[in-house]
Amino acid sequence: MKVAIFFIMLFMVWGIIHVWSRTIAIELGYALSKEQAIKEQLVADNKALHLEISTLRSSKRLESMANNMGLHTPYPDQVIYIWPDE
């Protein structure tokens, strides 16, 4: 009788440990999915920001802004080249 109770208790402990480990695995899976979704959103934001940077650095955009402010391409006599001492 003691052996049967021992095996029943052993089986119950094994069952509790098994359920606990599966619960932990499922929680980790949900956490991993959440982090992957955050990563994908950050990658998409990064791509959008790189696109915006390239748009803002566009030479046509800068030229149109300069024209709107009354600036123009300098004449050759207005350009001064400064060369480092060699």
PDB file of N, CA and C in Angstrom:
ATOM      1  N   MET A   1       0.818  -1.199   0.000  1.00  0.00           N
ATOM      2  CA  MET A   1       0.000   0.000   0.000  1.00  0.00           C
ATOM      3  C   MET A   1       0.860   1.260   0.000  1.00  0.00           C
ATOM      4  N   LYS A   2       1.965   1.223   0.763  1.00  0.00           N
ATOM      5  CA  LYS A   2       2.863   2.370   0.820  1.00  0.00           C
ATOM      6  C   LYS A   2       3.514   2.615  -0.541  1.00  0.00           C
ATOM      7  N   VAL A   3       3.810   1.547  -1.253  1.00  0.00           N
ATOM      8  CA  VAL A   3       4.429   1.670  -2.578  1.00  0.00           C
ATOM      9  C   VAL A   3       3.453   2.332  -3.544  1.00  0.00           C
ATOM     10  N   ALA A   4       2.197   1.960  -3.472  1.00  0.00           N
ATOM     11  CA  ALA A   4       1.189   2.557  -4.352  1.00  0.00           C
ATOM     12  C   ALA A   4       1.023   4.041  -4.059  1.00  0.00           C
ATOM     13  N   ILE A   5       0.995   4.403  -2.796  1.00  0.00           N
ATOM     14  CA  ILE A   5       0.877   5.823  -2.423  1.00  0.00           C
ATOM     15  C   ILE A   5       2.109   6.586  -2.896  1.00  0.00           C
ATOM     16  N   PHE A   6       3.292   5.940  -2.752  1.00  0.00           N
ATOM     17  CA  PHE A   6       4.532   6.572  -3.214  1.00  0.00           C
ATOM     18  C   PHE A   6       4.476   6.847  -4.720  1.00  0.00           C
ATOM     19  N   PHE A   7       4.047   5.876  -5.508  1.00  0.00           N
ATOM     20  CA  PHE A   7       3.970   6.059  -6.954  1.00  0.00           C
ATOM     21  C   PHE A   7       2.896   7.077  -7.336  1.00  0.00           C
ATOM     22  N   ILE A   8       1.805   7.106  -6.619  1.00  0.00           N
ATOM     23  CA  ILE A   8       0.760   8.110  -6.886  1.00  0.00           C
ATOM     24  C   ILE A   8       1.298   9.507  -6.595  1.00  0.00           C
ATOM     25  N   MET A   9       1.996   9.655  -5.461  1.00  0.00           N
ATOM     26  CA  MET A   9       2.588  10.960  -5.120  1.00  0.00           C
ATOM     27  C   MET A   9       3.650  11.358  -6.147  1.00  0.00           C
ATOM     28  N   LEU A  10       4.472  10.389  -6.547  1.00  0.00           N
ATOM     29  CA  LEU A  10       5.499  10.656  -7.560  1.00  0.00           C
ATOM     30  C   LEU A  10       4.860  11.099  -8.866  1.00  0.00           C
ATOM     31  N   PHE A  11       3.791  10.420  -9.278  1.00  0.00           N
ATOM     32  CA  PHE A  11       3.081  10.783 -10.501  1.00  0.00           C
ATOM     33  C   PHE A  11       2.466  12.181 -10.382  1.00  0.00           C
ATOM     34  N   MET A  12       1.923  12.516  -9.199  1.00  0.00           N
ATOM     35  CA  MET A  12       1.329  13.844  -8.995  1.00  0.00           C
ATOM     36  C   MET A  12       2.401  14.931  -9.079  1.00  0.00           C
ATOM     37  N   VAL A  13       3.550  14.689  -8.459  1.00  0.00           N
ATOM     38  CA  VAL A  13       4.649  15.662  -8.512  1.00  0.00           C
ATOM     39  C   VAL A  13       5.118  15.837  -9.957  1.00  0.00           C
ATOM     40  N   TRP A  14       5.269  14.706 -10.671  1.00  0.00           N
ATOM     41  CA  TRP A  14       5.675  14.790 -12.072  1.00  0.00           C
ATOM     42  C   TRP A  14       4.645  15.589 -12.883  1.00  0.00           C
ATOM     43  N   GLY A  15       3.360  15.359 -12.633  1.00  0.00           N
ATOM     44  CA  GLY A  15       2.302  16.081 -13.360  1.00  0.00           C
ATOM     45  C   GLY A  15       2.338  17.569 -13.080  1.00  0.00           C
ATOM     46  N   ILE A  16       2.537  17.932 -11.822  1.00  0.00           N
ATOM     47  CA  ILE A  16       2.616  19.361 -11.472  1.00  0.00           C
ATOM     48  C   ILE A  16       3.815  20.011 -12.135  1.00  0.00           C
ATOM     49  N   ILE A  17       4.957  19.343 -12.089  1.00  0.00           N
ATOM     50  CA  ILE A  17       6.164  19.897 -12.730  1.00  0.00           C
ATOM     51  C   ILE A  17       5.960  20.010 -14.238  1.00  0.00           C
ATOM     52  N   HIS A  18       5.343  19.026 -14.826  1.00  0.00           N
ATOM     53  CA  HIS A  18       5.109  19.051 -16.269  1.00  0.00           C
ATOM     54  C   HIS A  18       4.181  20.221 -16.651  1.00  0.00           C
ATOM     55  N   VAL A  19       3.090  20.375 -15.928  1.00  0.00           N
ATOM     56  CA  VAL A  19       2.156  21.473 -16.212  1.00  0.00           C
ATOM     57  C   VAL A  19       2.837  22.812 -15.995  1.00  0.00           C
ATOM     58  N   TRP A  20       3.611  22.938 -14.926  1.00  0.00           N
ATOM     59  CA  TRP A  20       4.319  24.183 -14.637  1.00  0.00           C
ATOM     60  C   TRP A  20       5.308  24.524 -15.761  1.00  0.00           C
ATOM     61  N   SER A  21       6.070  23.529 -16.213  1.00  0.00           N
ATOM     62  CA  SER A  21       7.053  23.796 -17.273  1.00  0.00           C
ATOM     63  C   SER A  21       6.362  24.178 -18.581  1.00  0.00           C
ATOM     64  N   ARG A  22       5.238  23.556 -18.906  1.00  0.00           N
ATOM     65  CA  ARG A  22       4.509  23.911 -20.130  1.00  0.00           C
ATOM     66  C   ARG A  22       3.944  25.328 -20.033  1.00  0.00           C
ATOM     67  N   THR A  23       3.466  25.684 -18.828  1.00  0.00           N
ATOM     68  CA  THR A  23       2.940  27.039 -18.626  1.00  0.00           C
ATOM     69  C   THR A  23       4.044  28.072 -18.834  1.00  0.00           C
ATOM     70  N   ILE A  24       5.221  27.810 -18.289  1.00  0.00           N
ATOM     71  CA  ILE A  24       6.367  28.712 -18.468  1.00  0.00           C
ATOM     72  C   ILE A  24       6.721  28.813 -19.951  1.00  0.00           C
ATOM     73  N   ALA A  25       6.726  27.689 -20.662  1.00  0.00           N
ATOM     74  CA  ALA A  25       7.060  27.686 -22.090  1.00  0.00           C
ATOM     75  C   ALA A  25       6.051  28.512 -22.880  1.00  0.00           C
ATOM     76  N   ILE A  26       4.780  28.400 -22.549  1.00  0.00           N
ATOM     77  CA  ILE A  26       3.748  29.171 -23.259  1.00  0.00           C
ATOM     78  C   ILE A  26       3.907  30.653 -22.972  1.00  0.00           C
ATOM     79  N   GLU A  27       4.178  31.016 -21.704  1.00  0.00           N
ATOM     80  CA  GLU A  27       4.375  32.422 -21.359  1.00  0.00           C
ATOM     81  C   GLU A  27       5.586  32.997 -22.086  1.00  0.00           C
ATOM     82  N   LEU A  28       6.657  32.223 -22.173  1.00  0.00           N
ATOM     83  CA  LEU A  28       7.844  32.675 -22.908  1.00  0.00           C
ATOM     84  C   LEU A  28       7.545  32.834 -24.396  1.00  0.00           C
ATOM     85  N   GLY A  29       6.726  31.956 -24.936  1.00  0.00           N
ATOM     86  CA  GLY A  29       6.337  32.073 -26.342  1.00  0.00           C
ATOM     87  C   GLY A  29       5.558  33.350 -26.603  1.00  0.00           C
ATOM     88  N   TYR A  30       4.637  33.692 -25.710  1.00  0.00           N
ATOM     89  CA  TYR A  30       3.888  34.938 -25.854  1.00  0.00           C
ATOM     90  C   TYR A  30       4.810  36.152 -25.728  1.00  0.00           C
ATOM     91  N   ALA A  31       5.728  36.097 -24.781  1.00  0.00           N
ATOM     92  CA  ALA A  31       6.666  37.207 -24.603  1.00  0.00           C
ATOM     93  C   ALA A  31       7.549  37.367 -25.843  1.00  0.00           C
ATOM     94  N   LEU A  32       7.992  36.246 -26.405  1.00  0.00           N
ATOM     95  CA  LEU A  32       8.820  36.293 -27.610  1.00  0.00           C
ATOM     96  C   LEU A  32       8.037  36.877 -28.781  1.00  0.00           C
ATOM     97  N   SER A  33       6.788  36.490 -28.934  1.00  0.00           N
ATOM     98  CA  SER A  33       5.962  37.031 -30.019  1.00  0.00           C
ATOM     99  C   SER A  33       5.777  38.531 -29.863  1.00  0.00           C
ATOM    100  N   LYS A  34       5.568  38.975 -28.640  1.00  0.00           N
ATOM    101  CA  LYS A  34       5.400  40.404 -28.382  1.00  0.00           C
ATOM    102  C   LYS A  34       6.673  41.165 -28.742  1.00  0.00           C
ATOM    103  N   GLU A  35       7.828  40.638 -28.346  1.00  0.00           N
ATOM    104  CA  GLU A  35       9.099  41.297 -28.649  1.00  0.00           C
ATOM    105  C   GLU A  35       9.372  41.312 -30.153  1.00  0.00           C
ATOM    106  N   GLN A  36       9.005  40.255 -30.849  1.00  0.00           N
ATOM    107  CA  GLN A  36       9.191  40.228 -32.304  1.00  0.00           C
ATOM    108  C   GLN A  36       8.303  41.261 -32.987  1.00  0.00           C
ATOM    109  N   ALA A  37       7.091  41.438 -32.489  1.00  0.00           N
ATOM    110  CA  ALA A  37       6.204  42.456 -33.058  1.00  0.00           C
ATOM    111  C   ALA A  37       6.775  43.844 -32.827  1.00  0.00           C
ATOM    112  N   ILE A  38       7.334  44.073 -31.650  1.00  0.00           N
ATOM    113  CA  ILE A  38       7.969  45.365 -31.358  1.00  0.00           C
ATOM    114  C   ILE A  38       9.156  45.579 -32.287  1.00  0.00           C
ATOM    115  N   LYS A  39       9.960  44.535 -32.499  1.00  0.00           N
ATOM    116  CA  LYS A  39      11.119  44.638 -33.387  1.00  0.00           C
ATOM    117  C   LYS A  39      10.681  44.984 -34.810  1.00  0.00           C
ATOM    118  N   GLU A  40       9.640  44.306 -35.297  1.00  0.00           N
ATOM    119  CA  GLU A  40       9.155  44.574 -36.651  1.00  0.00           C
ATOM    120  C   GLU A  40       8.665  46.014 -36.777  1.00  0.00           C
ATOM    121  N   GLN A  41       8.002  46.525 -35.744  1.00  0.00           N
ATOM    122  CA  GLN A  41       7.531  47.913 -35.771  1.00  0.00           C
ATOM    123  C   GLN A  41       8.721  48.876 -35.779  1.00  0.00           C
ATOM    124  N   LEU A  42       9.743  48.580 -34.984  1.00  0.00           N
ATOM    125  CA  LEU A  42      10.927  49.434 -34.949  1.00  0.00           C
ATOM    126  C   LEU A  42      11.673  49.411 -36.282  1.00  0.00           C
ATOM    127  N   VAL A  43      11.752  48.258 -36.922  1.00  0.00           N
ATOM    128  CA  VAL A  43      12.406  48.173 -38.228  1.00  0.00           C
ATOM    129  C   VAL A  43      11.627  48.993 -39.257  1.00  0.00           C
ATOM    130  N   ALA A  44      10.303  48.909 -39.218  1.00  0.00           N
ATOM    131  CA  ALA A  44       9.479  49.693 -40.142  1.00  0.00           C
ATOM    132  C   ALA A  44       9.656  51.188 -39.882  1.00  0.00           C
ATOM    133  N   ASP A  45       9.698  51.586 -38.609  1.00  0.00           N
ATOM    134  CA  ASP A  45       9.927  52.990 -38.271  1.00  0.00           C
ATOM    135  C   ASP A  45      11.290  53.449 -38.754  1.00  0.00           C
ATOM    136  N   ASN A  46      12.300  52.585 -38.609  1.00  0.00           N
ATOM    137  CA  ASN A  46      13.653  52.923 -39.044  1.00  0.00           C
ATOM    138  C   ASN A  46      13.699  53.138 -40.553  1.00  0.00           C
ATOM    139  N   LYS A  47      13.030  52.260 -41.304  1.00  0.00           N
ATOM    140  CA  LYS A  47      12.991  52.418 -42.765  1.00  0.00           C
ATOM    141  C   LYS A  47      12.291  53.719 -43.150  1.00  0.00           C
ATOM    142  N   ALA A  48      11.193  54.042 -42.455  1.00  0.00           N
ATOM    143  CA  ALA A  48      10.471  55.281 -42.748  1.00  0.00           C
ATOM    144  C   ALA A  48      11.334  56.493 -42.447  1.00  0.00           C
ATOM    145  N   LEU A  49      12.095  56.437 -41.360  1.00  0.00           N
ATOM    146  CA  LEU A  49      12.972  57.560 -41.018  1.00  0.00           C
ATOM    147  C   LEU A  49      14.104  57.713 -42.023  1.00  0.00           C
ATOM    148  N   HIS A  50      14.654  56.598 -42.499  1.00  0.00           N
ATOM    149  CA  HIS A  50      15.700  56.687 -43.525  1.00  0.00           C
ATOM    150  C   HIS A  50      15.143  57.296 -44.814  1.00  0.00           C
ATOM    151  N   LEU A  51      13.923  56.943 -45.158  1.00  0.00           N
ATOM    152  CA  LEU A  51      13.293  57.526 -46.334  1.00  0.00           C
ATOM    153  C   LEU A  51      13.093  59.024 -46.141  1.00  0.00           C
ATOM    154  N   GLU A  52      12.652  59.406 -44.955  1.00  0.00           N
ATOM    155  CA  GLU A  52      12.453  60.830 -44.678  1.00  0.00           C
ATOM    156  C   GLU A  52      13.769  61.589 -44.721  1.00  0.00           C
ATOM    157  N   ILE A  53      14.831  60.990 -44.206  1.00  0.00           N
ATOM    158  CA  ILE A  53      16.151  61.637 -44.252  1.00  0.00           C
ATOM    159  C   ILE A  53      16.581  61.847 -45.695  1.00  0.00           C
ATOM    160  N   SER A  54      16.420  60.824 -46.523  1.00  0.00           N
ATOM    161  CA  SER A  54      16.838  60.962 -47.915  1.00  0.00           C
ATOM    162  C   SER A  54      15.984  62.010 -48.639  1.00  0.00           C
ATOM    163  N   THR A  55      14.709  62.103 -48.275  1.00  0.00           N
ATOM    164  CA  THR A  55      13.849  63.126 -48.876  1.00  0.00           C
ATOM    165  C   THR A  55      14.288  64.518 -48.438  1.00  0.00           C
ATOM    166  N   LEU A  56      14.603  64.672 -47.165  1.00  0.00           N
ATOM    167  CA  LEU A  56      15.013  65.978 -46.658  1.00  0.00           C
ATOM    168  C   LEU A  56      16.371  66.405 -47.193  1.00  0.00           C
ATOM    169  N   ARG A  57      17.229  65.456 -47.515  1.00  0.00           N
ATOM    170  CA  ARG A  57      18.549  65.775 -48.053  1.00  0.00           C
ATOM    171  C   ARG A  57      18.540  65.942 -49.572  1.00  0.00           C
ATOM    172  N   SER A  58      17.409  65.802 -50.202  1.00  0.00           N
ATOM    173  CA  SER A  58      17.321  65.878 -51.652  1.00  0.00           C
ATOM    174  C   SER A  58      17.825  67.231 -52.136  1.00  0.00           C
ATOM    175  N   SER A  59      18.695  67.194 -53.145  1.00  0.00           N
ATOM    176  CA  SER A  59      19.265  68.438 -53.655  1.00  0.00           C
ATOM    177  C   SER A  59      18.195  69.312 -54.314  1.00  0.00           C
ATOM    178  N   LYS A  60      17.212  68.706 -54.956  1.00  0.00           N
ATOM    179  CA  LYS A  60      16.136  69.496 -55.565  1.00  0.00           C
ATOM    180  C   LYS A  60      15.330  70.217 -54.496  1.00  0.00           C
ATOM    181  N   ARG A  61      15.064  69.549 -53.387  1.00  0.00           N
ATOM    182  CA  ARG A  61      14.311  70.167 -52.295  1.00  0.00           C
ATOM    183  C   ARG A  61      15.097  71.325 -51.708  1.00  0.00           C
ATOM    184  N   LEU A  62      16.391  71.108 -51.468  1.00  0.00           N
ATOM    185  CA  LEU A  62      17.214  72.175 -50.902  1.00  0.00           C
ATOM    186  C   LEU A  62      17.330  73.356 -51.861  1.00  0.00           C
ATOM    187  N   GLU A  63      17.430  73.057 -53.147  1.00  0.00           N
ATOM    188  CA  GLU A  63      17.516  74.125 -54.138  1.00  0.00           C
ATOM    189  C   GLU A  63      16.227  74.938 -54.186  1.00  0.00           C
ATOM    190  N   SER A  64      15.077  74.272 -54.116  1.00  0.00           N
ATOM    191  CA  SER A  64      13.806  75.002 -54.135  1.00  0.00           C
ATOM    192  C   SER A  64      13.639  75.829 -52.867  1.00  0.00           C
ATOM    193  N   MET A  65      14.095  75.311 -51.738  1.00  0.00           N
ATOM    194  CA  MET A  65      14.030  76.100 -50.505  1.00  0.00           C
ATOM    195  C   MET A  65      14.924  77.330 -50.598  1.00  0.00           C
ATOM    196  N   ALA A  66      16.112  77.164 -51.179  1.00  0.00           N
ATOM    197  CA  ALA A  66      17.028  78.295 -51.328  1.00  0.00           C
ATOM    198  C   ALA A  66      16.429  79.334 -52.270  1.00  0.00           C
ATOM    199  N   ASN A  67      15.807  78.883 -53.346  1.00  0.00           N
ATOM    200  CA  ASN A  67      15.172  79.834 -54.273  1.00  0.00           C
ATOM    201  C   ASN A  67      14.031  80.585 -53.589  1.00  0.00           C
ATOM    202  N   ASN A  68      13.265  79.900 -52.735  1.00  0.00           N
ATOM    203  CA  ASN A  68      12.175  80.555 -52.009  1.00  0.00           C
ATOM    204  C   ASN A  68      12.697  81.609 -51.044  1.00  0.00           C
ATOM    205  N   MET A  69      13.917  81.436 -50.544  1.00  0.00           N
ATOM    206  CA  MET A  69      14.503  82.408 -49.626  1.00  0.00           C
ATOM    207  C   MET A  69      15.276  83.498 -50.365  1.00  0.00           C
ATOM    208  N   GLY A  70      15.268  83.444 -51.668  1.00  0.00           N
ATOM    209  CA  GLY A  70      15.955  84.472 -52.456  1.00  0.00           C
ATOM    210  C   GLY A  70      17.421  84.187 -52.682  1.00  0.00           C
ATOM    211  N   LEU A  71      17.862  82.999 -52.436  1.00  0.00           N
ATOM    212  CA  LEU A  71      19.259  82.640 -52.666  1.00  0.00           C
ATOM    213  C   LEU A  71      19.414  82.137 -54.096  1.00  0.00           C
ATOM    214  N   HIS A  72      20.621  82.231 -54.608  1.00  0.00           N
ATOM    215  CA  HIS A  72      20.889  81.740 -55.954  1.00  0.00           C
ATOM    216  C   HIS A  72      22.279  81.125 -55.979  1.00  0.00           C
ATOM    217  N   THR A  73      22.595  80.471 -57.074  1.00  0.00           N
ATOM    218  CA  THR A  73      23.912  79.875 -57.234  1.00  0.00           C
ATOM    219  C   THR A  73      24.945  81.001 -57.299  1.00  0.00           C
ATOM    220  N   PRO A  74      26.032  80.886 -56.548  1.00  0.00           N
ATOM    221  CA  PRO A  74      27.014  81.977 -56.541  1.00  0.00           C
ATOM    222  C   PRO A  74      27.720  82.099 -57.889  1.00  0.00           C
ATOM    223  N   TYR A  75      28.099  83.321 -58.195  1.00  0.00           N
ATOM    224  CA  TYR A  75      28.879  83.573 -59.409  1.00  0.00           C
ATOM    225  C   TYR A  75      30.310  83.117 -59.156  1.00  0.00           C
ATOM    226  N   PRO A  76      31.044  82.811 -60.211  1.00  0.00           N
ATOM    227  CA  PRO A  76      32.413  82.309 -60.017  1.00  0.00           C
ATOM    228  C   PRO A  76      33.303  83.244 -59.205  1.00  0.00           C
ATOM    229  N   ASP A  77      33.097  84.552 -59.311  1.00  0.00           N
ATOM    230  CA  ASP A  77      33.957  85.467 -58.553  1.00  0.00           C
ATOM    231  C   ASP A  77      33.560  85.550 -57.073  1.00  0.00           C
ATOM    232  N   GLN A  78      32.436  84.955 -56.715  1.00  0.00           N
ATOM    233  CA  GLN A  78      32.005  84.955 -55.320  1.00  0.00           C
ATOM    234  C   GLN A  78      32.506  83.729 -54.552  1.00  0.00           C
ATOM    235  N   VAL A  79      33.059  82.764 -55.259  1.00  0.00           N
ATOM    236  CA  VAL A  79      33.513  81.529 -54.622  1.00  0.00           C
ATOM    237  C   VAL A  79      34.971  81.671 -54.244  1.00  0.00           C
ATOM    238  N   ILE A  80      35.282  81.364 -52.997  1.00  0.00           N
ATOM    239  CA  ILE A  80      36.661  81.401 -52.514  1.00  0.00           C
ATOM    240  C   ILE A  80      37.024  79.992 -52.076  1.00  0.00           C
ATOM    241  N   TYR A  81      38.067  79.441 -52.649  1.00  0.00           N
ATOM    242  CA  TYR A  81      38.539  78.107 -52.285  1.00  0.00           C
ATOM    243  C   TYR A  81      39.631  78.240 -51.246  1.00  0.00           C
ATOM    244  N   ILE A  82      39.499  77.482 -50.197  1.00  0.00           N
ATOM    245  CA  ILE A  82      40.506  77.491 -49.135  1.00  0.00           C
ATOM    246  C   ILE A  82      41.153  76.112 -49.136  1.00  0.00           C
ATOM    247  N   TRP A  83      42.448  76.089 -49.414  1.00  0.00           N
ATOM    248  CA  TRP A  83      43.177  74.836 -49.479  1.00  0.00           C
ATOM    249  C   TRP A  83      44.008  74.689 -48.223  1.00  0.00           C
ATOM    250  N   PRO A  84      44.060  73.503 -47.660  1.00  0.00           N
ATOM    251  CA  PRO A  84      44.903  73.310 -46.473  1.00  0.00           C
ATOM    252  C   PRO A  84      46.368  73.443 -46.853  1.00  0.00           C
ATOM    253  N   ASP A  85      47.147  73.918 -45.904  1.00  0.00           N
ATOM    254  CA  ASP A  85      48.599  74.049 -46.164  1.00  0.00           C
ATOM    255  C   ASP A  85      49.197  72.680 -46.353  1.00  0.00           C
ATOM    256  N   GLU A  86      50.027  72.599 -47.353  1.00  0.00           N
ATOM    257  CA  GLU A  86      50.652  71.311 -47.652  1.00  0.00           C
ATOM    258  C   GLU A  86      52.078  71.303 -47.222  1.00  0.00           C
TER     259      GLU A  86
END
